[in-house]
């Protein structure tokens, strides 16, 4: 919907003046102002009702009264000290090799008993 510019508003006021006359224009203006005031009051009431219903359903939703209060809680940072999965050996540092460093070709499983010799 296109907005009304000053020229369009002037044309509407001139037509209203011709239709209603100069004696009725102040009364019509008061009625329009009351209507706009009532519309804004109803809009604010519906907005506050909507915020209260949403806050009842979702307690984490911010309310207009608490928007300037406490900061929004956040999750603590992830602990990145141990990024290996269970059961996998930890990577060895070049400066500080792990005491459990494995021999090349090892599978990481405990050594099995030696094969039995044929008799």
PDB file of N, CA and C in Angstrom:
ATOM      1  N   UNK A   1       0.843  -1.169   0.000  1.00  0.00           N
ATOM      2  CA  UNK A   1       0.000   0.000   0.000  1.00  0.00           C
ATOM      3  C   UNK A   1       0.890   1.233   0.000  1.00  0.00           C
ATOM      4  N   UNK A   2       0.708   2.115  -0.952  1.00  0.00           N
ATOM      5  CA  UNK A   2       1.562   3.306  -1.015  1.00  0.00           C
ATOM      6  C   UNK A   2       1.239   4.269   0.129  1.00  0.00           C
ATOM      7  N   UNK A   3       2.257   4.996   0.548  1.00  0.00           N
ATOM      8  CA  UNK A   3       2.068   5.952   1.635  1.00  0.00           C
ATOM      9  C   UNK A   3       1.431   7.240   1.112  1.00  0.00           C
ATOM     10  N   UNK A   4       0.809   7.966   2.020  1.00  0.00           N
ATOM     11  CA  UNK A   4       0.174   9.235   1.655  1.00  0.00           C
ATOM     12  C   UNK A   4       1.177  10.368   1.808  1.00  0.00           C
ATOM     13  N   UNK A   5       1.317  11.144   0.755  1.00  0.00           N
ATOM     14  CA  UNK A   5       2.194  12.311   0.809  1.00  0.00           C
ATOM     15  C   UNK A   5       1.395  13.548   1.190  1.00  0.00           C
ATOM     16  N   UNK A   6       2.073  14.682   1.290  1.00  0.00           N
ATOM     17  CA  UNK A   6       1.376  15.922   1.669  1.00  0.00           C
ATOM     18  C   UNK A   6       0.280  16.320   0.669  1.00  0.00           C
ATOM     19  N   UNK A   7       0.487  16.083  -0.603  1.00  0.00           N
ATOM     20  CA  UNK A   7      -0.516  16.465  -1.602  1.00  0.00           C
ATOM     21  C   UNK A   7      -1.785  15.623  -1.450  1.00  0.00           C
ATOM     22  N   UNK A   8      -1.636  14.320  -1.200  1.00  0.00           N
ATOM     23  CA  UNK A   8      -2.798  13.450  -1.036  1.00  0.00           C
ATOM     24  C   UNK A   8      -3.586  13.811   0.219  1.00  0.00           C
ATOM     25  N   UNK A   9      -2.882  14.112   1.307  1.00  0.00           N
ATOM     26  CA  UNK A   9      -3.558  14.504   2.549  1.00  0.00           C
ATOM     27  C   UNK A   9      -4.325  15.805   2.354  1.00  0.00           C
ATOM     28  N   UNK A  10      -3.740  16.755   1.646  1.00  0.00           N
ATOM     29  CA  UNK A  10      -4.415  18.034   1.373  1.00  0.00           C
ATOM     30  C   UNK A  10      -5.686  17.821   0.556  1.00  0.00           C
ATOM     31  N   UNK A  11      -5.644  16.951  -0.435  1.00  0.00           N
ATOM     32  CA  UNK A  11      -6.831  16.670  -1.246  1.00  0.00           C
ATOM     33  C   UNK A  11      -7.921  16.035  -0.389  1.00  0.00           C
ATOM     34  N   UNK A  12      -7.550  15.096   0.493  1.00  0.00           N
ATOM     35  CA  UNK A  12      -8.527  14.449   1.369  1.00  0.00           C
ATOM     36  C   UNK A  12      -9.168  15.481   2.295  1.00  0.00           C
ATOM     37  N   UNK A  13      -8.372  16.411   2.864  1.00  0.00           N
ATOM     38  CA  UNK A  13      -8.918  17.431   3.766  1.00  0.00           C
ATOM     39  C   UNK A  13      -9.853  18.394   3.030  1.00  0.00           C
ATOM     40  N   UNK A  14      -9.511  18.773   1.808  1.00  0.00           N
ATOM     41  CA  UNK A  14     -10.373  19.675   1.032  1.00  0.00           C
ATOM     42  C   UNK A  14     -11.691  18.985   0.711  1.00  0.00           C
ATOM     43  N   UNK A  15     -11.669  17.716   0.321  1.00  0.00           N
ATOM     44  CA  UNK A  15     -12.899  16.978   0.024  1.00  0.00           C
ATOM     45  C   UNK A  15     -13.749  16.851   1.285  1.00  0.00           C
ATOM     46  N   UNK A  16     -13.108  16.539   2.433  1.00  0.00           N
ATOM     47  CA  UNK A  16     -13.843  16.435   3.695  1.00  0.00           C
ATOM     48  C   UNK A  16     -14.469  17.776   4.067  1.00  0.00           C
ATOM     49  N   UNK A  17     -13.747  18.878   3.856  1.00  0.00           N
ATOM     50  CA  UNK A  17     -14.286  20.212   4.149  1.00  0.00           C
ATOM     51  C   UNK A  17     -15.488  20.512   3.272  1.00  0.00           C
ATOM     52  N   UNK A  18     -15.426  20.143   2.004  1.00  0.00           N
ATOM     53  CA  UNK A  18     -16.552  20.381   1.095  1.00  0.00           C
ATOM     54  C   UNK A  18     -17.756  19.504   1.450  1.00  0.00           C
ATOM     55  N   UNK A  19     -17.511  18.259   1.880  1.00  0.00           N
ATOM     56  CA  UNK A  19     -18.605  17.344   2.180  1.00  0.00           C
ATOM     57  C   UNK A  19     -19.263  17.681   3.517  1.00  0.00           C
ATOM     58  N   UNK A  20     -18.460  17.891   4.574  1.00  0.00           N
ATOM     59  CA  UNK A  20     -19.014  18.073   5.915  1.00  0.00           C
ATOM     60  C   UNK A  20     -19.211  19.540   6.303  1.00  0.00           C
ATOM     61  N   UNK A  21     -18.492  20.439   5.696  1.00  0.00           N
ATOM     62  CA  UNK A  21     -18.625  21.861   6.032  1.00  0.00           C
ATOM     63  C   UNK A  21     -17.696  22.250   7.165  1.00  0.00           C
ATOM     64  N   UNK A  22     -17.467  23.567   7.326  1.00  0.00           N
ATOM     65  CA  UNK A  22     -16.514  24.045   8.333  1.00  0.00           C
ATOM     66  C   UNK A  22     -17.006  23.863   9.769  1.00  0.00           C
ATOM     67  N   UNK A  23     -18.307  23.738   9.996  1.00  0.00           N
ATOM     68  CA  UNK A  23     -18.817  23.612  11.371  1.00  0.00           C
ATOM     69  C   UNK A  23     -18.620  22.203  11.923  1.00  0.00           C
ATOM     70  N   UNK A  24     -18.609  21.180  11.091  1.00  0.00           N
ATOM     71  CA  UNK A  24     -18.475  19.796  11.542  1.00  0.00           C
ATOM     72  C   UNK A  24     -17.021  19.316  11.588  1.00  0.00           C
ATOM     73  N   UNK A  25     -16.096  20.014  10.968  1.00  0.00           N
ATOM     74  CA  UNK A  25     -14.696  19.547  10.885  1.00  0.00           C
ATOM     75  C   UNK A  25     -14.040  19.390  12.263  1.00  0.00           C
ATOM     76  N   UNK A  26     -14.191  20.343  13.228  1.00  0.00           N
ATOM     77  CA  UNK A  26     -13.568  20.121  14.548  1.00  0.00           C
ATOM     78  C   UNK A  26     -14.105  18.875  15.254  1.00  0.00           C
ATOM     79  N   UNK A  27     -15.409  18.616  15.140  1.00  0.00           N
ATOM     80  CA  UNK A  27     -15.992  17.433  15.767  1.00  0.00           C
ATOM     81  C   UNK A  27     -15.455  16.155  15.138  1.00  0.00           C
ATOM     82  N   UNK A  28     -15.322  16.140  13.828  1.00  0.00           N
ATOM     83  CA  UNK A  28     -14.781  14.971  13.123  1.00  0.00           C
ATOM     84  C   UNK A  28     -13.315  14.755  13.517  1.00  0.00           C
ATOM     85  N   UNK A  29     -12.558  15.834  13.643  1.00  0.00           N
ATOM     86  CA  UNK A  29     -11.157  15.725  14.057  1.00  0.00           C
ATOM     87  C   UNK A  29     -11.025  15.128  15.448  1.00  0.00           C
ATOM     88  N   UNK A  30     -11.910  15.553  16.391  1.00  0.00           N
ATOM     89  CA  UNK A  30     -11.885  14.988  17.750  1.00  0.00           C
ATOM     90  C   UNK A  30     -12.215  13.496  17.716  1.00  0.00           C
ATOM     91  N   UNK A  31     -13.192  13.103  16.906  1.00  0.00           N
ATOM     92  CA  UNK A  31     -13.568  11.698  16.821  1.00  0.00           C
ATOM     93  C   UNK A  31     -12.434  10.848  16.223  1.00  0.00           C
ATOM     94  N   UNK A  32     -11.765  11.387  15.216  1.00  0.00           N
ATOM     95  CA  UNK A  32     -10.629  10.661  14.626  1.00  0.00           C
ATOM     96  C   UNK A  32      -9.508  10.514  15.655  1.00  0.00           C
ATOM     97  N   UNK A  33      -9.241  11.575  16.432  1.00  0.00           N
ATOM     98  CA  UNK A  33      -8.184  11.515  17.450  1.00  0.00           C
ATOM     99  C   UNK A  33      -8.537  10.491  18.531  1.00  0.00           C
ATOM    100  N   UNK A  34      -9.812  10.453  18.965  1.00  0.00           N
ATOM    101  CA  UNK A  34     -10.238   9.454  19.951  1.00  0.00           C
ATOM    102  C   UNK A  34     -10.067   8.039  19.393  1.00  0.00           C
ATOM    103  N   UNK A  35     -10.410   7.865  18.130  1.00  0.00           N
ATOM    104  CA  UNK A  35     -10.265   6.545  17.506  1.00  0.00           C
ATOM    105  C   UNK A  35      -8.811   6.096  17.448  1.00  0.00           C
ATOM    106  N   UNK A  36      -7.917   7.011  17.098  1.00  0.00           N
ATOM    107  CA  UNK A  36      -6.483   6.675  17.041  1.00  0.00           C
ATOM    108  C   UNK A  36      -5.967   6.356  18.439  1.00  0.00           C
ATOM    109  N   UNK A  37      -6.389   7.142  19.446  1.00  0.00           N
ATOM    110  CA  UNK A  37      -5.973   6.902  20.831  1.00  0.00           C
ATOM    111  C   UNK A  37      -6.451   5.534  21.313  1.00  0.00           C
ATOM    112  N   UNK A  38      -7.703   5.201  21.019  1.00  0.00           N
ATOM    113  CA  UNK A  38      -8.261   3.908  21.411  1.00  0.00           C
ATOM    114  C   UNK A  38      -7.532   2.763  20.703  1.00  0.00           C
ATOM    115  N   UNK A  39      -7.212   2.946  19.438  1.00  0.00           N
ATOM    116  CA  UNK A  39      -6.482   1.931  18.681  1.00  0.00           C
ATOM    117  C   UNK A  39      -5.115   1.674  19.303  1.00  0.00           C
ATOM    118  N   UNK A  40      -4.404   2.735  19.686  1.00  0.00           N
ATOM    119  CA  UNK A  40      -3.079   2.560  20.311  1.00  0.00           C
ATOM    120  C   UNK A  40      -3.194   1.870  21.661  1.00  0.00           C
ATOM    121  N   UNK A  41      -4.224   2.219  22.448  1.00  0.00           N
ATOM    122  CA  UNK A  41      -4.414   1.603  23.762  1.00  0.00           C
ATOM    123  C   UNK A  41      -4.671   0.098  23.606  1.00  0.00           C
ATOM    124  N   UNK A  42      -5.532  -0.265  22.652  1.00  0.00           N
ATOM    125  CA  UNK A  42      -5.826  -1.681  22.416  1.00  0.00           C
ATOM    126  C   UNK A  42      -4.585  -2.411  21.915  1.00  0.00           C
ATOM    127  N   UNK A  43      -3.804  -1.767  21.068  1.00  0.00           N
ATOM    128  CA  UNK A  43      -2.587  -2.384  20.541  1.00  0.00           C
ATOM    129  C   UNK A  43      -1.591  -2.658  21.670  1.00  0.00           C
ATOM    130  N   UNK A  44      -1.408  -1.708  22.589  1.00  0.00           N
ATOM    131  CA  UNK A  44      -0.492  -1.912  23.711  1.00  0.00           C
ATOM    132  C   UNK A  44      -0.993  -3.025  24.630  1.00  0.00           C
ATOM    133  N   UNK A  45      -2.327  -3.055  24.860  1.00  0.00           N
ATOM    134  CA  UNK A  45      -2.901  -4.097  25.711  1.00  0.00           C
ATOM    135  C   UNK A  45      -2.681  -5.480  25.099  1.00  0.00           C
ATOM    136  N   UNK A  46      -2.943  -5.627  23.806  1.00  0.00           N
ATOM    137  CA  UNK A  46      -2.736  -6.915  23.142  1.00  0.00           C
ATOM    138  C   UNK A  46      -1.264  -7.314  23.152  1.00  0.00           C
ATOM    139  N   UNK A  47      -0.385  -6.339  22.976  1.00  0.00           N
ATOM    140  CA  UNK A  47       1.049  -6.633  22.993  1.00  0.00           C
ATOM    141  C   UNK A  47       1.480  -7.139  24.371  1.00  0.00           C
ATOM    142  N   UNK A  48       1.005  -6.504  25.442  1.00  0.00           N
ATOM    143  CA  UNK A  48       1.373  -6.959  26.786  1.00  0.00           C
ATOM    144  C   UNK A  48       0.777  -8.326  27.083  1.00  0.00           C
ATOM    145  N   UNK A  49      -0.449  -8.586  26.629  1.00  0.00           N
ATOM    146  CA  UNK A  49      -1.053  -9.903  26.812  1.00  0.00           C
ATOM    147  C   UNK A  49      -0.255 -10.979  26.075  1.00  0.00           C
ATOM    148  N   UNK A  50       0.154 -10.671  24.863  1.00  0.00           N
ATOM    149  CA  UNK A  50       0.941 -11.628  24.083  1.00  0.00           C
ATOM    150  C   UNK A  50       2.266 -11.933  24.764  1.00  0.00           C
ATOM    151  N   UNK A  51       2.935 -10.895  25.292  1.00  0.00           N
ATOM    152  CA  UNK A  51       4.204 -11.113  25.994  1.00  0.00           C
ATOM    153  C   UNK A  51       3.993 -11.974  27.241  1.00  0.00           C
ATOM    154  N   UNK A  52       2.895 -11.759  27.974  1.00  0.00           N
ATOM    155  CA  UNK A  52       2.666 -12.553  29.180  1.00  0.00           C
ATOM    156  C   UNK A  52       2.364 -14.010  28.825  1.00  0.00           C
ATOM    157  N   UNK A  53       1.619 -14.252  27.752  1.00  0.00           N
ATOM    158  CA  UNK A  53       1.326 -15.631  27.345  1.00  0.00           C
ATOM    159  C   UNK A  53       2.594 -16.331  26.898  1.00  0.00           C
ATOM    160  N   UNK A  54       3.426 -15.651  26.136  1.00  0.00           N
ATOM    161  CA  UNK A  54       4.674 -16.256  25.666  1.00  0.00           C
ATOM    162  C   UNK A  54       5.604 -16.537  26.837  1.00  0.00           C
ATOM    163  N   UNK A  55       5.667 -15.628  27.808  1.00  0.00           N
ATOM    164  CA  UNK A  55       6.552 -15.861  28.953  1.00  0.00           C
ATOM    165  C   UNK A  55       6.027 -16.987  29.831  1.00  0.00           C
ATOM    166  N   UNK A  56       4.698 -17.197  29.862  1.00  0.00           N
ATOM    167  CA  UNK A  56       4.158 -18.329  30.608  1.00  0.00           C
ATOM    168  C   UNK A  56       4.518 -19.646  29.938  1.00  0.00           C
ATOM    169  N   UNK A  57       4.491 -19.677  28.611  1.00  0.00           N
ATOM    170  CA  UNK A  57       4.806 -20.904  27.885  1.00  0.00           C
ATOM    171  C   UNK A  57       6.300 -21.169  27.816  1.00  0.00           C
ATOM    172  N   UNK A  58       7.096 -20.122  27.667  1.00  0.00           N
ATOM    173  CA  UNK A  58       8.542 -20.253  27.522  1.00  0.00           C
ATOM    174  C   UNK A  58       9.217 -19.388  28.579  1.00  0.00           C
ATOM    175  N   UNK A  59       9.621 -19.971  29.724  1.00  0.00           N
ATOM    176  CA  UNK A  59      10.209 -19.157  30.791  1.00  0.00           C
ATOM    177  C   UNK A  59      11.557 -18.546  30.420  1.00  0.00           C
ATOM    178  N   UNK A  60      12.203 -19.027  29.337  1.00  0.00           N
ATOM    179  CA  UNK A  60      13.487 -18.444  28.953  1.00  0.00           C
ATOM    180  C   UNK A  60      13.318 -17.224  28.082  1.00  0.00           C
ATOM    181  N   UNK A  61      12.084 -16.942  27.615  1.00  0.00           N
ATOM    182  CA  UNK A  61      11.849 -15.777  26.759  1.00  0.00           C
ATOM    183  C   UNK A  61      11.982 -14.510  27.596  1.00  0.00           C
ATOM    184  N   UNK A  62      12.695 -13.502  27.084  1.00  0.00           N
ATOM    185  CA  UNK A  62      12.855 -12.271  27.849  1.00  0.00           C
ATOM    186  C   UNK A  62      11.537 -11.504  27.915  1.00  0.00           C
ATOM    187  N   UNK A  63      11.291 -10.892  29.050  1.00  0.00           N
ATOM    188  CA  UNK A  63      10.107 -10.063  29.210  1.00  0.00           C
ATOM    189  C   UNK A  63      10.526  -8.609  29.079  1.00  0.00           C
ATOM    190  N   UNK A  64       9.614  -7.709  28.724  1.00  0.00           N
ATOM    191  CA  UNK A  64       9.992  -6.305  28.566  1.00  0.00           C
ATOM    192  C   UNK A  64      10.526  -5.696  29.852  1.00  0.00           C
ATOM    193  N   UNK A  65      10.046  -6.147  31.025  1.00  0.00           N
ATOM    194  CA  UNK A  65      10.509  -5.576  32.286  1.00  0.00           C
ATOM    195  C   UNK A  65      11.933  -6.009  32.607  1.00  0.00           C
ATOM    196  N   UNK A  66      12.346  -7.209  32.172  1.00  0.00           N
ATOM    197  CA  UNK A  66      13.671  -7.707  32.518  1.00  0.00           C
ATOM    198  C   UNK A  66      14.705  -7.473  31.425  1.00  0.00           C
ATOM    199  N   UNK A  67      14.351  -6.739  30.380  1.00  0.00           N
ATOM    200  CA  UNK A  67      15.297  -6.568  29.277  1.00  0.00           C
ATOM    201  C   UNK A  67      16.516  -5.742  29.679  1.00  0.00           C
ATOM    202  N   UNK A  68      16.386  -4.853  30.655  1.00  0.00           N
ATOM    203  CA  UNK A  68      17.519  -4.032  31.058  1.00  0.00           C
ATOM    204  C   UNK A  68      18.189  -4.547  32.314  1.00  0.00           C
ATOM    205  N   UNK A  69      17.740  -5.673  32.863  1.00  0.00           N
ATOM    206  CA  UNK A  69      18.245  -6.193  34.123  1.00  0.00           C
ATOM    207  C   UNK A  69      19.451  -7.080  33.949  1.00  0.00           C
ATOM    208  N   UNK A  70      19.310  -8.305  34.428  1.00  0.00           N
ATOM    209  CA  UNK A  70      20.410  -9.258  34.401  1.00  0.00           C
ATOM    210  C   UNK A  70      20.769  -9.637  32.977  1.00  0.00           C
ATOM    211  N   UNK A  71      22.051  -9.959  32.744  1.00  0.00           N
ATOM    212  CA  UNK A  71      22.434 -10.394  31.396  1.00  0.00           C
ATOM    213  C   UNK A  71      21.884 -11.791  31.115  1.00  0.00           C
ATOM    214  N   UNK A  72      21.795 -12.132  29.860  1.00  0.00           N
ATOM    215  CA  UNK A  72      21.293 -13.432  29.440  1.00  0.00           C
ATOM    216  C   UNK A  72      22.330 -14.491  29.815  1.00  0.00           C
ATOM    217  N   UNK A  73      21.905 -15.596  30.465  1.00  0.00           N
ATOM    218  CA  UNK A  73      22.879 -16.618  30.841  1.00  0.00           C
ATOM    219  C   UNK A  73      23.413 -17.330  29.603  1.00  0.00           C
ATOM    220  N   UNK A  74      24.682 -17.723  29.677  1.00  0.00           N
ATOM    221  CA  UNK A  74      25.309 -18.425  28.570  1.00  0.00           C
ATOM    222  C   UNK A  74      25.905 -19.730  29.079  1.00  0.00           C
ATOM    223  N   UNK A  75      26.206 -20.617  28.176  1.00  0.00           N
ATOM    224  CA  UNK A  75      26.828 -21.882  28.539  1.00  0.00           C
ATOM    225  C   UNK A  75      28.303 -21.661  28.842  1.00  0.00           C
ATOM    226  N   UNK A  76      28.877 -22.469  29.746  1.00  0.00           N
ATOM    227  CA  UNK A  76      30.313 -22.347  30.004  1.00  0.00           C
ATOM    228  C   UNK A  76      31.099 -22.814  28.788  1.00  0.00           C
ATOM    229  N   UNK A  77      32.338 -22.352  28.638  1.00  0.00           N
ATOM    230  CA  UNK A  77      33.137 -22.784  27.486  1.00  0.00           C
ATOM    231  C   UNK A  77      33.440 -24.281  27.563  1.00  0.00           C
ATOM    232  N   UNK A  78      33.579 -24.897  26.384  1.00  0.00           N
ATOM    233  CA  UNK A  78      33.898 -26.315  26.324  1.00  0.00           C
ATOM    234  C   UNK A  78      35.305 -26.569  26.841  1.00  0.00           C
ATOM    235  N   UNK A  79      35.462 -27.700  27.543  1.00  0.00           N
ATOM    236  CA  UNK A  79      36.775 -28.101  28.022  1.00  0.00           C
ATOM    237  C   UNK A  79      37.510 -28.768  26.860  1.00  0.00           C
ATOM    238  N   UNK A  80      38.563 -28.143  26.364  1.00  0.00           N
ATOM    239  CA  UNK A  80      39.290 -28.666  25.211  1.00  0.00           C
ATOM    240  C   UNK A  80      40.605 -29.327  25.594  1.00  0.00           C
ATOM    241  N   UNK A  81      40.792 -29.634  26.885  1.00  0.00           N
ATOM    242  CA  UNK A  81      42.059 -30.227  27.298  1.00  0.00           C
ATOM    243  C   UNK A  81      42.179 -31.671  26.847  1.00  0.00           C
ATOM    244  N   UNK A  82      41.093 -32.445  26.838  1.00  0.00           N
ATOM    245  CA  UNK A  82      41.150 -33.848  26.439  1.00  0.00           C
ATOM    246  C   UNK A  82      40.207 -34.035  25.256  1.00  0.00           C
ATOM    247  N   UNK A  83      40.781 -34.014  24.043  1.00  0.00           N
ATOM    248  CA  UNK A  83      39.957 -34.122  22.848  1.00  0.00           C
ATOM    249  C   UNK A  83      39.983 -35.516  22.247  1.00  0.00           C
ATOM    250  N   UNK A  84      40.674 -36.476  22.896  1.00  0.00           N
ATOM    251  CA  UNK A  84      40.756 -37.819  22.338  1.00  0.00           C
ATOM    252  C   UNK A  84      39.548 -38.620  22.771  1.00  0.00           C
ATOM    253  N   UNK A  85      39.156 -39.568  21.959  1.00  0.00           N
ATOM    254  CA  UNK A  85      38.040 -40.442  22.294  1.00  0.00           C
ATOM    255  C   UNK A  85      38.539 -41.534  23.222  1.00  0.00           C
ATOM    256  N   UNK A  86      37.659 -42.091  24.046  1.00  0.00           N
ATOM    257  CA  UNK A  86      38.092 -43.180  24.927  1.00  0.00           C
ATOM    258  C   UNK A  86      38.574 -44.377  24.106  1.00  0.00           C
ATOM    259  N   UNK A  87      39.652 -44.975  24.542  1.00  0.00           N
ATOM    260  CA  UNK A  87      40.193 -46.151  23.860  1.00  0.00           C
ATOM    261  C   UNK A  87      41.244 -45.826  22.821  1.00  0.00           C
ATOM    262  N   UNK A  88      41.455 -44.547  22.498  1.00  0.00           N
ATOM    263  CA  UNK A  88      42.498 -44.182  21.534  1.00  0.00           C
ATOM    264  C   UNK A  88      43.660 -43.595  22.305  1.00  0.00           C
ATOM    265  N   UNK A  89      44.869 -43.877  21.854  1.00  0.00           N
ATOM    266  CA  UNK A  89      46.031 -43.342  22.576  1.00  0.00           C
ATOM    267  C   UNK A  89      46.130 -41.829  22.383  1.00  0.00           C
ATOM    268  N   UNK A  90      46.602 -41.165  23.407  1.00  0.00           N
ATOM    269  CA  UNK A  90      46.787 -39.719  23.338  1.00  0.00           C
ATOM    270  C   UNK A  90      47.979 -39.419  22.439  1.00  0.00           C
ATOM    271  N   UNK A  91      47.933 -38.353  21.654  1.00  0.00           N
ATOM    272  CA  UNK A  91      49.072 -38.023  20.804  1.00  0.00           C
ATOM    273  C   UNK A  91      50.272 -37.617  21.657  1.00  0.00           C
ATOM    274  N   UNK A  92      51.428 -38.058  21.219  1.00  0.00           N
ATOM    275  CA  UNK A  92      52.652 -37.766  21.964  1.00  0.00           C
ATOM    276  C   UNK A  92      53.211 -36.423  21.533  1.00  0.00           C
ATOM    277  N   UNK A  93      53.671 -35.642  22.504  1.00  0.00           N
ATOM    278  CA  UNK A  93      54.337 -34.376  22.204  1.00  0.00           C
ATOM    279  C   UNK A  93      55.745 -34.675  21.723  1.00  0.00           C
ATOM    280  N   UNK A  94      56.258 -33.826  20.867  1.00  0.00           N
ATOM    281  CA  UNK A  94      57.631 -34.020  20.394  1.00  0.00           C
ATOM    282  C   UNK A  94      58.615 -33.754  21.525  1.00  0.00           C
ATOM    283  N   UNK A  95      58.291 -32.781  22.385  1.00  0.00           N
ATOM    284  CA  UNK A  95      59.196 -32.437  23.483  1.00  0.00           C
ATOM    285  C   UNK A  95      59.050 -33.399  24.660  1.00  0.00           C
ATOM    286  N   UNK A  96      57.844 -33.933  24.869  1.00  0.00           N
ATOM    287  CA  UNK A  96      57.580 -34.784  26.017  1.00  0.00           C
ATOM    288  C   UNK A  96      56.867 -36.045  25.539  1.00  0.00           C
ATOM    289  N   UNK A  97      57.607 -37.061  25.091  1.00  0.00           N
ATOM    290  CA  UNK A  97      56.951 -38.264  24.576  1.00  0.00           C
ATOM    291  C   UNK A  97      56.200 -38.987  25.686  1.00  0.00           C
ATOM    292  N   UNK A  98      55.126 -39.619  25.303  1.00  0.00           N
ATOM    293  CA  UNK A  98      54.299 -40.338  26.258  1.00  0.00           C
ATOM    294  C   UNK A  98      55.036 -41.590  26.728  1.00  0.00           C
ATOM    295  N   UNK A  99      54.910 -41.942  28.012  1.00  0.00           N
ATOM    296  CA  UNK A  99      55.586 -43.163  28.469  1.00  0.00           C
ATOM    297  C   UNK A  99      54.949 -44.403  27.871  1.00  0.00           C
ATOM    298  N   UNK A 100      53.748 -44.282  27.308  1.00  0.00           N
ATOM    299  CA  UNK A 100      53.095 -45.433  26.717  1.00  0.00           C
ATOM    300  C   UNK A 100      53.245 -45.425  25.202  1.00  0.00           C
ATOM    301  N   UNK A 101      54.315 -44.801  24.695  1.00  0.00           N
ATOM    302  CA  UNK A 101      54.517 -44.747  23.250  1.00  0.00           C
ATOM    303  C   UNK A 101      54.629 -46.165  22.713  1.00  0.00           C
ATOM    304  N   UNK A 102      53.979 -46.397  21.622  1.00  0.00           N
ATOM    305  CA  UNK A 102      53.922 -47.738  21.072  1.00  0.00           C
ATOM    306  C   UNK A 102      54.982 -47.930  20.002  1.00  0.00           C
ATOM    307  N   UNK A 103      55.356 -49.160  19.817  1.00  0.00           N
ATOM    308  CA  UNK A 103      56.335 -49.499  18.795  1.00  0.00           C
ATOM    309  C   UNK A 103      55.666 -49.407  17.434  1.00  0.00           C
ATOM    310  N   UNK A 104      56.438 -49.106  16.379  1.00  0.00           N
ATOM    311  CA  UNK A 104      55.834 -49.047  15.040  1.00  0.00           C
ATOM    312  C   UNK A 104      55.212 -50.378  14.678  1.00  0.00           C
ATOM    313  N   UNK A 105      54.056 -50.335  14.070  1.00  0.00           N
ATOM    314  CA  UNK A 105      53.364 -51.539  13.652  1.00  0.00           C
ATOM    315  C   UNK A 105      52.494 -52.139  14.734  1.00  0.00           C
ATOM    316  N   UNK A 106      52.492 -51.581  15.909  1.00  0.00           N
ATOM    317  CA  UNK A 106      51.676 -52.104  16.991  1.00  0.00           C
ATOM    318  C   UNK A 106      50.231 -51.688  16.780  1.00  0.00           C
ATOM    319  N   UNK A 107      49.322 -52.513  17.239  1.00  0.00           N
ATOM    320  CA  UNK A 107      47.901 -52.228  17.057  1.00  0.00           C
ATOM    321  C   UNK A 107      47.292 -51.559  18.268  1.00  0.00           C
ATOM    322  N   UNK A 108      48.021 -51.428  19.341  1.00  0.00           N
ATOM    323  CA  UNK A 108      47.508 -50.804  20.534  1.00  0.00           C
ATOM    324  C   UNK A 108      46.832 -51.787  21.463  1.00  0.00           C
ATOM    325  N   UNK A 109      46.798 -53.087  21.092  1.00  0.00           N
ATOM    326  CA  UNK A 109      46.196 -54.097  21.943  1.00  0.00           C
ATOM    327  C   UNK A 109      47.269 -54.692  22.834  1.00  0.00           C
ATOM    328  N   UNK A 110      46.885 -55.233  23.990  1.00  0.00           N
ATOM    329  CA  UNK A 110      47.906 -55.857  24.845  1.00  0.00           C
ATOM    330  C   UNK A 110      48.519 -57.062  24.137  1.00  0.00           C
ATOM    331  N   UNK A 111      49.774 -57.331  24.413  1.00  0.00           N
ATOM    332  CA  UNK A 111      50.440 -58.451  23.720  1.00  0.00           C
ATOM    333  C   UNK A 111      49.766 -59.767  24.098  1.00  0.00           C
ATOM    334  N   UNK A 112      49.609 -60.592  23.097  1.00  0.00           N
ATOM    335  CA  UNK A 112      49.009 -61.920  23.353  1.00  0.00           C
ATOM    336  C   UNK A 112      50.119 -62.912  23.701  1.00  0.00           C
ATOM    337  N   UNK A 113      49.719 -64.058  24.168  1.00  0.00           N
ATOM    338  CA  UNK A 113      50.719 -65.064  24.521  1.00  0.00           C
ATOM    339  C   UNK A 113      51.413 -65.550  23.235  1.00  0.00           C
ATOM    340  N   UNK A 114      52.694 -65.933  23.356  1.00  0.00           N
ATOM    341  CA  UNK A 114      53.406 -66.374  22.151  1.00  0.00           C
ATOM    342  C   UNK A 114      52.764 -67.645  21.581  1.00  0.00           C
ATOM    343  N   UNK A 115      52.828 -67.803  20.274  1.00  0.00           N
ATOM    344  CA  UNK A 115      52.226 -68.997  19.696  1.00  0.00           C
ATOM    345  C   UNK A 115      52.920 -70.260  20.211  1.00  0.00           C
ATOM    346  N   UNK A 116      52.151 -71.287  20.351  1.00  0.00           N
ATOM    347  CA  UNK A 116      52.712 -72.557  20.839  1.00  0.00           C
ATOM    348  C   UNK A 116      53.553 -73.191  19.771  1.00  0.00           C
ATOM    349  N   UNK A 117      54.717 -73.757  20.192  1.00  0.00           N
ATOM    350  CA  UNK A 117      55.594 -74.415  19.210  1.00  0.00           C
ATOM    351  C   UNK A 117      55.090 -75.820  18.931  1.00  0.00           C
ATOM    352  N   UNK A 118      55.218 -76.225  17.699  1.00  0.00           N
ATOM    353  CA  UNK A 118      54.779 -77.595  17.403  1.00  0.00           C
ATOM    354  C   UNK A 118      55.671 -78.637  18.093  1.00  0.00           C
ATOM    355  N   UNK A 119      55.108 -79.718  18.498  1.00  0.00           N
ATOM    356  CA  UNK A 119      55.894 -80.739  19.223  1.00  0.00           C
ATOM    357  C   UNK A 119      56.406 -81.819  18.369  1.00  0.00           C
TER     358      UNK A 119
END
